[in-house]
Amino acid sequence: MKLFECQMCGQALYFENTRCERCHHRLGYIASEQWLAALEQSANEAPLWHIGGQPNRQFRFCENAEQKACNWLIHADATERFCAACRHNHLIPDLALGQNLKHWRLMELAKHRLFYTLMELNLPLVTRVEDPKEGLGFNFLEDTDANKKIFTGHTDGMITINIAEADDAERERRRNTMHEPYRTLLGHFRHEIGHWYWDRLVRDAPAHHAFSIVFGDESPDYGEALKRHYKDGAPTDWRQRYVSAYATSHPWEDFAETFAHYLHIVDTLETASEFGIVVHPRHLTHAEQLSTDIDFEPQFAKTVNALIDAWLPLTFAVNSLNRSMGQADFYPFVLSPTVVDKLGFIHDLVHGRIGYEAPTQEPMLQDRRPPADNAS
């Protein structure tokens, strides 16, 4: 995630901010420009806002802004009611009941961060309107029947997430029950979107053969594989070949888990780069092995090695900081050489080097810069 600042007063901003705390301008995110802009209301045009100091650049807010669930903008002359992220919603819970509104807002915060990265990587996004059978859609549902639980998952482009995952206590309970070292809302989105991209970029594409070599044969029955995993658990040596225990259940889950971790790495390294983070341990014999200057744009790295060379020192440092605060590890995973190879497959797939060509139209973001010399 890049850093943002108010163009009117220079105040540092978070991606989710809706108002500048210093100058009190309303804020709106323009996805096509990757810009969180300070706004002024257009005179005599109540629904319209314009960029502060630029009255000719007019926008409307996504309709979900009325529920304080979105701060993204739509061009004034566009016909859409919802922004590029919210138009993928299919079902949301009854917002008048219980904590549903609060939880849905948290779901949207995580989903919008997901879309930030997908757009930055110029990955294809197709709505259910554009592709009714397999377009990307989201169902955010709550348990309404004690005998019929809502399970998080993906089917034919539709991603379902139980809104209970937005409750910190409930999510922590499930994390412990499932013996997971890491469970977050954003992690759910990044995992499930991996299944959608497998269908779009691998299933019927030239990349499928390379996928089978790296991740294995996906033909064994998926349902039976999951039952076996929940019954018997992961192999004892799973850390040598998989990023998580759940990834061992089936090649589809291995791909989705690895895809999620790739997004974790790219997005977090971008944030570290924006802050100019440098890691150089002192008083270690082999300090150079845990040193990095995160001075490149990870979304443009030519190979996965540039990402991993920066990621490992960063996570060692932040894990150490977390432990000093009595907190769990920031990144409680081990990236074996085999897992790095799998991340390399995802990297090459995302960048159009394995059987998939990136969209030929103009990229979503217009202000891209070439990678730094060390991003190779």
Protein backbone atom coordinates (compact mmCIF):
# COMPACT_ATOMS: atom_id res chain seq x y z
CA MET A 1 0.00 0.00 0.00
CA LYS A 2 1.39 3.40 -0.95
CA LEU A 3 1.28 6.37 1.40
CA PHE A 4 -1.24 9.16 0.91
CA GLU A 5 -1.35 12.79 1.92
CA CYS A 6 -3.94 15.53 1.69
CA GLN A 7 -3.09 17.71 -1.29
CA MET A 8 -4.71 20.67 0.46
CA CYS A 9 -2.72 20.68 3.70
CA GLY A 10 -0.09 17.92 3.55
CA GLN A 11 -1.60 15.78 6.32
CA ALA A 12 -0.60 12.10 6.13
CA LEU A 13 -3.60 9.89 5.39
CA TYR A 14 -4.61 6.27 5.66
CA PHE A 15 -6.20 4.49 2.71
CA GLU A 16 -9.47 4.14 4.64
CA ASN A 17 -9.75 7.80 5.78
CA THR A 18 -12.91 9.67 4.81
CA ARG A 19 -11.99 13.11 6.19
CA CYS A 20 -8.73 14.97 6.70
CA GLU A 21 -8.27 15.58 10.42
CA ARG A 22 -6.25 18.73 9.83
CA CYS A 23 -8.16 20.71 7.18
CA HIS A 24 -11.44 18.75 7.45
CA HIS A 25 -11.84 18.21 3.70
CA ARG A 26 -13.83 15.14 2.74
CA LEU A 27 -11.66 12.49 1.10
CA GLY A 28 -12.38 10.15 -1.79
CA TYR A 29 -10.29 7.48 -3.49
CA ILE A 30 -9.85 7.60 -7.27
CA ALA A 31 -8.88 4.04 -8.19
CA SER A 32 -7.76 4.85 -11.73
CA GLU A 33 -5.18 7.29 -10.34
CA GLN A 34 -4.39 5.51 -7.08
CA TRP A 35 -5.09 8.80 -5.31
CA LEU A 36 -6.88 9.62 -2.07
CA ALA A 37 -8.00 13.15 -2.89
CA ALA A 38 -9.31 16.03 -0.80
CA LEU A 39 -12.69 17.13 -2.18
CA GLU A 40 -15.00 20.12 -2.26
CA GLN A 41 -18.72 19.91 -2.91
CA SER A 42 -19.72 21.23 -6.31
CA ALA A 43 -22.03 24.25 -6.05
CA ASN A 44 -25.70 23.63 -6.89
CA GLU A 45 -24.96 19.96 -7.66
CA ALA A 46 -25.58 18.20 -4.37
CA PRO A 47 -24.41 14.67 -5.26
CA LEU A 48 -21.23 15.86 -6.98
CA TRP A 49 -17.83 16.58 -5.55
CA HIS A 50 -14.73 17.94 -7.25
CA ILE A 51 -11.04 17.70 -6.54
CA GLY A 52 -10.00 20.51 -4.22
CA GLY A 53 -8.88 23.41 -6.40
CA GLN A 54 -9.94 21.63 -9.61
CA PRO A 55 -13.67 22.40 -10.07
CA ASN A 56 -13.80 20.76 -13.51
CA ARG A 57 -12.88 17.32 -12.12
CA GLN A 58 -16.19 16.10 -10.75
CA PHE A 59 -17.07 12.79 -9.09
CA ARG A 60 -19.83 10.98 -7.22
CA PHE A 61 -19.33 8.71 -4.26
CA CYS A 62 -20.10 5.01 -4.50
CA GLU A 63 -23.58 4.39 -3.07
CA ASN A 64 -22.05 2.34 -0.26
CA ALA A 65 -20.53 5.56 1.07
CA GLU A 66 -23.98 6.30 2.50
CA GLN A 67 -23.44 3.34 4.86
CA LYS A 68 -19.87 4.49 5.63
CA ALA A 69 -18.65 1.30 3.99
CA CYS A 70 -16.75 2.82 1.04
CA ASN A 71 -14.77 5.98 0.24
CA TRP A 72 -14.22 5.33 -3.48
CA LEU A 73 -15.31 7.72 -6.20
CA ILE A 74 -17.05 7.34 -9.57
CA HIS A 75 -16.63 9.83 -12.40
CA ALA A 76 -19.59 12.23 -12.53
CA ASP A 77 -20.59 11.17 -16.05
CA ALA A 78 -20.39 7.40 -15.35
CA THR A 79 -23.59 5.35 -15.22
CA GLU A 80 -22.49 2.98 -12.45
CA ARG A 81 -23.99 3.30 -8.97
CA PHE A 82 -21.15 1.46 -7.28
CA CYS A 83 -17.38 1.78 -7.45
CA ALA A 84 -15.00 -0.69 -9.09
CA ALA A 85 -14.81 -2.71 -5.86
CA CYS A 86 -18.41 -2.57 -4.64
CA ARG A 87 -20.00 -3.46 -7.98
CA HIS A 88 -18.82 -7.05 -7.39
CA ASN A 89 -21.07 -7.43 -4.33
CA HIS A 90 -23.94 -9.87 -4.84
CA LEU A 91 -25.46 -10.34 -1.37
CA ILE A 92 -24.87 -8.52 1.88
CA PRO A 93 -26.51 -9.24 5.27
CA ASP A 94 -29.50 -7.41 6.69
CA LEU A 95 -27.77 -4.28 8.00
CA ALA A 96 -30.60 -3.55 10.45
CA LEU A 97 -29.82 -6.66 12.51
CA GLY A 98 -27.36 -6.84 15.39
CA GLN A 99 -23.75 -6.10 14.54
CA ASN A 100 -24.17 -6.72 10.81
CA LEU A 101 -23.53 -3.13 9.74
CA LYS A 102 -20.35 -2.91 11.81
CA HIS A 103 -19.12 -6.25 10.55
CA TRP A 104 -19.97 -5.51 6.92
CA ARG A 105 -17.99 -2.27 7.09
CA LEU A 106 -14.97 -4.24 8.27
CA MET A 107 -15.48 -6.71 5.42
CA GLU A 108 -15.48 -3.83 2.95
CA LEU A 109 -12.29 -2.35 4.37
CA ALA A 110 -10.52 -5.65 3.75
CA LYS A 111 -12.09 -6.13 0.31
CA HIS A 112 -11.07 -2.65 -0.84
CA ARG A 113 -7.47 -3.33 0.16
CA LEU A 114 -7.65 -6.51 -1.90
CA PHE A 115 -8.90 -4.58 -4.91
CA TYR A 116 -6.17 -1.98 -4.51
CA THR A 117 -3.55 -4.69 -5.07
CA LEU A 118 -5.43 -6.49 -7.86
CA MET A 119 -5.77 -3.23 -9.79
CA GLU A 120 -2.17 -2.29 -9.17
CA LEU A 121 -1.07 -5.66 -10.58
CA ASN A 122 -3.41 -5.05 -13.55
CA LEU A 123 -5.14 -8.39 -13.04
CA PRO A 124 -8.42 -8.99 -14.88
CA LEU A 125 -11.64 -8.22 -13.00
CA VAL A 126 -14.99 -9.33 -14.41
CA THR A 127 -18.37 -8.70 -12.77
CA ARG A 128 -21.36 -11.03 -12.70
CA VAL A 129 -23.08 -8.67 -15.13
CA GLU A 130 -20.25 -9.12 -17.62
CA ASP A 131 -20.03 -12.88 -17.05
CA PRO A 132 -23.17 -14.24 -15.30
CA LYS A 133 -21.73 -17.74 -14.99
CA GLU A 134 -18.24 -17.14 -13.62
CA GLY A 135 -17.82 -13.40 -13.07
CA LEU A 136 -16.42 -12.37 -9.71
CA GLY A 137 -19.06 -11.83 -7.03
CA PHE A 138 -19.22 -11.69 -3.24
CA ASN A 139 -21.79 -13.01 -0.80
CA PHE A 140 -21.40 -11.71 2.75
CA LEU A 141 -23.77 -13.83 4.80
CA GLU A 142 -24.57 -14.51 8.44
CA ASP A 143 -25.64 -17.72 10.15
CA THR A 144 -29.41 -17.57 10.53
CA ASP A 145 -30.03 -21.27 11.12
CA ALA A 146 -28.14 -23.19 13.80
CA ASN A 147 -28.40 -26.32 11.66
CA LYS A 148 -27.16 -24.67 8.47
CA LYS A 149 -23.84 -22.91 8.86
CA ILE A 150 -22.42 -20.48 6.29
CA PHE A 151 -18.99 -21.63 5.15
CA THR A 152 -16.41 -19.39 3.56
CA GLY A 153 -15.49 -20.58 0.09
CA HIS A 154 -15.57 -20.11 -3.68
CA THR A 155 -17.83 -21.65 -6.31
CA ASP A 156 -17.96 -20.64 -10.00
CA GLY A 157 -16.76 -17.10 -9.38
CA MET A 158 -18.91 -16.47 -6.30
CA ILE A 159 -16.95 -15.92 -3.10
CA THR A 160 -18.90 -16.44 0.12
CA ILE A 161 -17.56 -15.19 3.44
CA ASN A 162 -19.33 -15.69 6.75
CA ILE A 163 -19.70 -12.24 8.27
CA ALA A 164 -18.82 -13.74 11.65
CA GLU A 165 -15.21 -13.59 10.44
CA ALA A 166 -15.38 -9.82 11.03
CA ASP A 167 -15.87 -10.43 14.77
CA ASP A 168 -12.39 -10.52 16.31
CA ALA A 169 -13.32 -12.90 19.12
CA GLU A 170 -15.13 -15.33 16.84
CA ARG A 171 -12.33 -15.28 14.28
CA GLU A 172 -9.77 -15.96 17.01
CA ARG A 173 -11.88 -18.86 18.28
CA ARG A 174 -11.98 -20.35 14.80
CA ARG A 175 -8.26 -19.77 14.33
CA ASN A 176 -7.50 -21.78 17.47
CA THR A 177 -10.04 -24.49 16.61
CA MET A 178 -8.54 -24.89 13.14
CA HIS A 179 -4.96 -24.78 14.50
CA GLU A 180 -4.07 -21.89 12.22
CA PRO A 181 -1.16 -19.55 13.01
CA TYR A 182 -2.75 -16.72 11.04
CA ARG A 183 -6.36 -15.86 10.23
CA THR A 184 -7.51 -12.41 9.10
CA LEU A 185 -10.31 -10.94 7.02
CA LEU A 186 -7.84 -9.74 4.41
CA GLY A 187 -6.26 -13.17 4.37
CA HIS A 188 -9.64 -14.74 3.57
CA PHE A 189 -10.15 -12.39 0.63
CA ARG A 190 -6.67 -13.01 -0.73
CA HIS A 191 -7.09 -16.78 -0.45
CA GLU A 192 -10.53 -16.99 -2.05
CA ILE A 193 -9.59 -14.66 -4.90
CA GLY A 194 -6.78 -17.12 -5.62
CA HIS A 195 -9.40 -19.75 -6.47
CA TRP A 196 -11.09 -17.31 -8.87
CA TYR A 197 -7.82 -16.54 -10.62
CA TRP A 198 -7.02 -20.24 -10.92
CA ASP A 199 -10.26 -20.60 -12.90
CA ARG A 200 -9.49 -17.50 -15.01
CA LEU A 201 -5.76 -17.90 -15.63
CA VAL A 202 -4.91 -21.59 -15.19
CA ARG A 203 -7.84 -24.01 -15.58
CA ASP A 204 -8.35 -23.83 -19.34
CA ALA A 205 -5.19 -21.89 -20.16
CA PRO A 206 -1.69 -22.82 -21.39
CA ALA A 207 -0.49 -22.22 -17.84
CA HIS A 208 -2.22 -25.42 -16.71
CA HIS A 209 0.66 -27.71 -17.68
CA ALA A 210 3.18 -25.60 -15.75
CA PHE A 211 0.79 -25.50 -12.79
CA SER A 212 0.64 -29.32 -12.71
CA ILE A 213 4.43 -29.53 -12.61
CA VAL A 214 4.75 -27.06 -9.74
CA PHE A 215 1.64 -27.80 -7.66
CA GLY A 216 0.78 -31.36 -8.69
CA ASP A 217 -2.18 -33.15 -10.28
CA GLU A 218 -5.51 -31.63 -9.24
CA SER A 219 -7.62 -34.51 -10.61
CA PRO A 220 -8.11 -36.33 -7.25
CA ASP A 221 -11.57 -35.63 -5.85
CA TYR A 222 -11.50 -32.27 -4.08
CA GLY A 223 -14.21 -33.06 -1.53
CA GLU A 224 -12.60 -36.32 -0.52
CA ALA A 225 -9.21 -34.61 -0.26
CA LEU A 226 -10.63 -32.06 2.19
CA LYS A 227 -12.30 -34.79 4.27
CA ARG A 228 -9.02 -36.67 4.44
CA HIS A 229 -7.15 -33.52 5.45
CA TYR A 230 -9.57 -32.69 8.28
CA LYS A 231 -9.46 -36.31 9.46
CA ASP A 232 -5.73 -37.03 9.22
CA GLY A 233 -4.12 -33.59 9.17
CA ALA A 234 -1.07 -32.55 7.17
CA PRO A 235 2.01 -34.72 6.59
CA THR A 236 4.68 -34.26 9.25
CA ASP A 237 7.14 -32.81 6.71
CA TRP A 238 4.69 -30.35 5.15
CA ARG A 239 6.84 -27.29 5.93
CA GLN A 240 9.42 -28.48 3.40
CA ARG A 241 6.94 -28.20 0.50
CA TYR A 242 3.96 -26.05 1.49
CA VAL A 243 3.36 -22.58 2.85
CA SER A 244 0.70 -23.83 5.28
CA ALA A 245 -0.76 -27.07 6.56
CA TYR A 246 -4.03 -26.38 4.74
CA ALA A 247 -2.16 -26.09 1.45
CA THR A 248 -1.39 -29.81 1.66
CA SER A 249 -5.06 -30.77 1.27
CA HIS A 250 -5.27 -30.36 -2.53
CA PRO A 251 -3.35 -28.57 -5.33
CA TRP A 252 -6.21 -26.07 -5.66
CA GLU A 253 -5.79 -25.09 -2.01
CA ASP A 254 -2.02 -25.03 -2.39
CA PHE A 255 -2.40 -22.54 -5.26
CA ALA A 256 -4.89 -20.37 -3.35
CA GLU A 257 -2.73 -20.31 -0.21
CA THR A 258 0.37 -19.45 -2.22
CA PHE A 259 -1.54 -16.78 -4.16
CA ALA A 260 -2.66 -15.20 -0.87
CA HIS A 261 0.90 -15.13 0.43
CA TYR A 262 2.11 -13.56 -2.78
CA LEU A 263 -0.38 -10.71 -2.26
CA HIS A 264 0.69 -10.45 1.40
CA ILE A 265 4.30 -10.04 0.31
CA VAL A 266 3.75 -7.58 -2.53
CA ASP A 267 1.41 -5.31 -0.60
CA THR A 268 3.46 -5.28 2.59
CA LEU A 269 6.74 -4.69 0.75
CA GLU A 270 5.14 -1.76 -1.05
CA THR A 271 4.19 -0.25 2.30
CA ALA A 272 7.72 -0.84 3.60
CA SER A 273 9.15 0.77 0.47
CA GLU A 274 6.91 3.81 0.89
CA PHE A 275 8.24 4.23 4.43
CA GLY A 276 11.83 3.82 3.23
CA ILE A 277 12.45 0.92 5.57
CA VAL A 278 16.03 -0.30 5.78
CA VAL A 279 16.99 -3.37 7.80
CA HIS A 280 20.65 -3.71 8.85
CA PRO A 281 21.11 -5.79 12.02
CA ARG A 282 23.98 -4.88 14.31
CA HIS A 283 26.34 -7.22 16.12
CA LEU A 284 25.56 -10.29 14.00
CA THR A 285 28.33 -12.25 12.30
CA HIS A 286 26.29 -12.75 9.14
CA ALA A 287 24.29 -9.52 9.30
CA GLU A 288 24.34 -9.16 5.51
CA GLN A 289 22.03 -12.19 5.24
CA LEU A 290 19.38 -10.32 7.23
CA SER A 291 19.90 -6.91 5.64
CA THR A 292 17.79 -5.17 3.01
CA ASP A 293 17.04 -1.74 1.60
CA ILE A 294 13.45 -1.86 0.42
CA ASP A 295 13.94 0.81 -2.22
CA PHE A 296 12.13 -0.70 -5.19
CA GLU A 297 8.52 -1.10 -6.25
CA PRO A 298 7.68 -4.76 -5.59
CA GLN A 299 4.77 -4.86 -8.06
CA PHE A 300 7.33 -4.38 -10.84
CA ALA A 301 10.00 -6.83 -9.65
CA LYS A 302 11.27 -8.89 -12.57
CA THR A 303 11.57 -12.10 -10.57
CA VAL A 304 10.31 -13.38 -7.26
CA ASN A 305 13.87 -13.40 -5.89
CA ALA A 306 13.85 -9.62 -5.45
CA LEU A 307 10.73 -9.96 -3.31
CA ILE A 308 12.05 -12.81 -1.19
CA ASP A 309 15.45 -11.15 -0.66
CA ALA A 310 13.63 -8.18 0.87
CA TRP A 311 10.85 -10.13 2.58
CA LEU A 312 12.92 -12.46 4.73
CA PRO A 313 14.95 -9.72 6.51
CA LEU A 314 11.82 -7.59 6.92
CA THR A 315 9.81 -10.38 8.51
CA PHE A 316 12.66 -11.39 10.81
CA ALA A 317 12.91 -7.79 12.02
CA VAL A 318 9.17 -7.27 12.49
CA ASN A 319 8.70 -10.69 14.09
CA SER A 320 11.39 -9.67 16.57
CA LEU A 321 9.65 -6.35 17.26
CA ASN A 322 6.34 -8.13 17.81
CA ARG A 323 7.94 -10.53 20.29
CA SER A 324 9.38 -7.54 22.17
CA MET A 325 5.79 -6.32 22.58
CA GLY A 326 4.55 -9.72 23.70
CA GLN A 327 2.68 -10.23 20.44
CA ALA A 328 2.54 -13.20 18.09
CA ASP A 329 4.82 -13.22 15.05
CA PHE A 330 3.87 -10.79 12.32
CA TYR A 331 4.56 -13.51 9.70
CA PRO A 332 4.53 -16.97 11.31
CA PHE A 333 5.51 -18.92 8.21
CA VAL A 334 8.63 -20.51 6.75
CA LEU A 335 9.34 -20.11 3.03
CA SER A 336 11.22 -23.22 1.94
CA PRO A 337 12.91 -23.35 -1.49
CA THR A 338 9.95 -25.33 -2.82
CA VAL A 339 7.50 -22.70 -1.56
CA VAL A 340 9.62 -19.95 -3.13
CA ASP A 341 9.40 -21.82 -6.44
CA LYS A 342 5.60 -21.85 -6.08
CA LEU A 343 5.60 -18.12 -5.33
CA GLY A 344 7.73 -17.71 -8.45
CA PHE A 345 5.03 -19.45 -10.47
CA ILE A 346 2.43 -17.01 -9.09
CA HIS A 347 4.72 -14.07 -9.82
CA ASP A 348 5.28 -15.14 -13.42
CA LEU A 349 1.58 -15.93 -13.89
CA VAL A 350 0.53 -12.53 -12.57
CA HIS A 351 3.01 -10.80 -14.86
CA GLY A 352 1.94 -12.68 -17.96
CA ARG A 353 4.97 -14.93 -18.32
CA ILE A 354 3.17 -18.29 -18.02
CA GLY A 355 0.53 -18.85 -20.63
CA TYR A 356 -1.44 -15.72 -19.77
CA GLU A 357 -1.13 -12.33 -21.40
CA ALA A 358 -2.02 -9.29 -19.35
CA PRO A 359 -4.91 -7.16 -20.69
CA THR A 360 -3.91 -5.21 -23.77
CA GLN A 361 -5.94 -2.13 -22.92
CA GLU A 362 -4.41 0.80 -21.08
CA PRO A 363 -3.43 -0.23 -17.55
CA MET A 364 -5.58 0.93 -14.68
CA LEU A 365 -2.78 3.02 -13.25
CA GLN A 366 -1.20 5.61 -15.50
CA ASP A 367 1.72 6.75 -13.36
CA ARG A 368 3.73 3.53 -13.25
CA ARG A 369 7.49 3.82 -13.09
CA PRO A 370 10.11 1.27 -14.15
CA PRO A 371 11.54 -0.94 -11.43
CA ALA A 372 14.70 0.04 -9.65
CA ASP A 373 17.92 -1.53 -10.87
CA ASN A 374 18.04 -3.95 -7.93
CA ALA A 375 14.50 -5.23 -8.58
CA SER A 376 15.57 -8.15 -10.72
